[in-house]
Amino acid sequence: MEKANAATVVSHIKEMINILSSDQIMTPETQATVLYNYSEAVGLLYGWKFLVNSDKLINDRDLKEIFTLLNMSESSSEGYKFVTSSDSELPKLDKVINKLALIYGFSPSDIDSFQTNWALVQGR
């Protein structure tokens, strides 16, 4: 289950990257979509904080590093920076994906496939 959640986190972050790296004009709707994906990814990651390290593949040190890359601390979030300063923030998202790929053994083709909504494609 943890690996499936990690794949979902990657999917949300890839969606952020796709939007932020496009030539798309950053409308309020586009910003909302980026921040929606941000909050979904952070929410899934945050749940792992409450498991002891022996019960999960990711450890607390790696979670802290990922949260830092996502502009998230114990007391606040600056996730808005991904839409207000996307040029400087965008590289952090690739680092998060690389970190999760290393921890969970995702291949480049796995990462690419996480961008596909398979339930929609397969009509489920």
Protein backbone atom coordinates (compact mmCIF):
# COMPACT_ATOMS: atom_id res chain seq x y z
CA MET A 1 0.00 0.00 0.00
CA GLU A 2 2.83 2.39 0.82
CA LYS A 3 4.39 1.96 -2.63
CA ALA A 4 1.02 2.62 -4.29
CA ASN A 5 0.67 5.81 -2.23
CA ALA A 6 4.18 6.83 -3.28
CA ALA A 7 3.20 6.30 -6.92
CA THR A 8 0.18 8.55 -6.35
CA VAL A 9 2.42 11.22 -4.83
CA VAL A 10 4.65 11.03 -7.91
CA SER A 11 1.59 11.31 -10.14
CA HIS A 12 0.46 14.50 -8.41
CA ILE A 13 3.94 15.99 -8.52
CA LYS A 14 4.33 15.11 -12.21
CA GLU A 15 1.06 16.93 -12.88
CA MET A 16 2.46 19.98 -11.09
CA ILE A 17 5.62 19.78 -13.19
CA ASN A 18 3.64 19.42 -16.42
CA ILE A 19 1.62 22.54 -15.67
CA LEU A 20 4.44 24.66 -14.25
CA SER A 21 6.86 23.84 -17.07
CA SER A 22 4.34 24.50 -19.84
CA ASP A 23 3.76 27.77 -21.66
CA GLN A 24 0.31 27.81 -20.15
CA ILE A 25 -0.79 31.14 -18.69
CA MET A 26 -1.08 30.89 -14.92
CA THR A 27 -4.77 31.62 -14.43
CA PRO A 28 -6.49 31.29 -11.05
CA GLU A 29 -7.86 27.94 -12.24
CA THR A 30 -4.39 26.73 -13.21
CA GLN A 31 -2.97 27.86 -9.88
CA ALA A 32 -5.77 26.01 -8.12
CA THR A 33 -4.95 22.83 -10.04
CA VAL A 34 -1.27 23.08 -9.10
CA LEU A 35 -2.11 23.68 -5.44
CA TYR A 36 -4.67 20.87 -5.46
CA ASN A 37 -1.98 18.44 -6.66
CA TYR A 38 0.43 19.88 -4.10
CA SER A 39 -2.00 19.35 -1.23
CA GLU A 40 -2.82 15.79 -2.33
CA ALA A 41 0.88 14.89 -2.47
CA VAL A 42 1.67 16.50 0.88
CA GLY A 43 -1.37 14.90 2.50
CA LEU A 44 -0.34 11.40 1.43
CA LEU A 45 3.23 11.98 2.55
CA TYR A 46 2.17 13.47 5.86
CA GLY A 47 0.34 10.30 6.86
CA TRP A 48 3.61 8.38 6.83
CA LYS A 49 4.93 10.56 9.66
CA PHE A 50 2.66 8.69 12.07
CA LEU A 51 4.08 5.25 11.32
CA VAL A 52 7.18 4.01 13.08
CA ASN A 53 10.20 3.62 10.81
CA SER A 54 10.12 -0.17 11.11
CA ASP A 55 6.62 -0.20 9.57
CA LYS A 56 7.46 1.79 6.43
CA LEU A 57 10.03 1.89 3.65
CA ILE A 58 10.56 5.65 3.86
CA ASN A 59 12.25 6.90 7.01
CA ASP A 60 11.60 10.08 8.94
CA ARG A 61 14.86 11.68 7.74
CA ASP A 62 13.82 11.20 4.10
CA LEU A 63 10.34 12.53 4.85
CA LYS A 64 11.84 15.63 6.44
CA GLU A 65 14.04 16.17 3.36
CA ILE A 66 11.04 15.77 1.04
CA PHE A 67 8.91 18.13 3.14
CA THR A 68 11.70 20.71 3.00
CA LEU A 69 11.80 20.40 -0.80
CA LEU A 70 8.01 20.89 -0.81
CA ASN A 71 8.29 24.04 1.34
CA MET A 72 6.53 22.32 4.21
CA SER A 73 7.55 22.55 7.86
CA GLU A 74 6.02 21.35 11.12
CA SER A 75 4.26 24.67 11.61
CA SER A 76 3.59 26.05 8.15
CA SER A 77 3.48 25.49 4.43
CA GLU A 78 4.77 27.73 1.70
CA GLY A 79 3.38 25.59 -1.10
CA TYR A 80 2.09 28.73 -2.75
CA LYS A 81 5.65 29.41 -3.89
CA PHE A 82 5.24 26.73 -6.54
CA VAL A 83 2.79 29.05 -8.33
CA THR A 84 4.31 32.42 -7.39
CA SER A 85 7.97 31.49 -8.02
CA SER A 86 7.67 28.45 -10.23
CA ASP A 87 10.95 28.98 -12.11
CA SER A 88 13.01 28.68 -8.93
CA GLU A 89 10.76 26.10 -7.24
CA LEU A 90 10.29 23.67 -10.14
CA PRO A 91 13.66 21.88 -9.71
CA LYS A 92 12.63 20.86 -6.20
CA LEU A 93 9.82 18.76 -7.62
CA ASP A 94 12.21 16.68 -9.73
CA LYS A 95 14.31 16.11 -6.61
CA VAL A 96 11.26 14.82 -4.74
CA ILE A 97 10.46 12.39 -7.55
CA ASN A 98 14.07 11.21 -7.71
CA LYS A 99 14.11 10.67 -3.95
CA LEU A 100 10.88 8.65 -4.02
CA ALA A 101 12.12 6.64 -7.01
CA LEU A 102 15.26 5.74 -5.10
CA ILE A 103 13.37 4.74 -1.94
CA TYR A 104 10.67 2.70 -3.69
CA GLY A 105 12.64 1.37 -6.65
CA PHE A 106 10.62 3.12 -9.34
CA SER A 107 12.16 2.92 -12.81
CA PRO A 108 11.98 5.80 -15.31
CA SER A 109 9.23 3.91 -17.16
CA ASP A 110 7.32 3.52 -13.88
CA ILE A 111 7.56 7.26 -13.29
CA ASP A 112 6.28 7.92 -16.81
CA SER A 113 3.38 5.51 -16.39
CA PHE A 114 2.25 7.26 -13.20
CA GLN A 115 1.15 10.16 -15.38
CA THR A 116 -1.52 8.00 -16.99
CA ASN A 117 -4.93 7.73 -15.36
CA TRP A 118 -5.23 3.98 -15.90
CA ALA A 119 -8.75 3.79 -14.45
CA LEU A 120 -9.90 6.22 -17.13
CA VAL A 121 -7.90 4.55 -19.92
CA GLN A 122 -9.18 1.08 -18.97
CA GLY A 123 -12.74 2.27 -18.40
CA ARG A 124 -12.85 1.30 -14.72
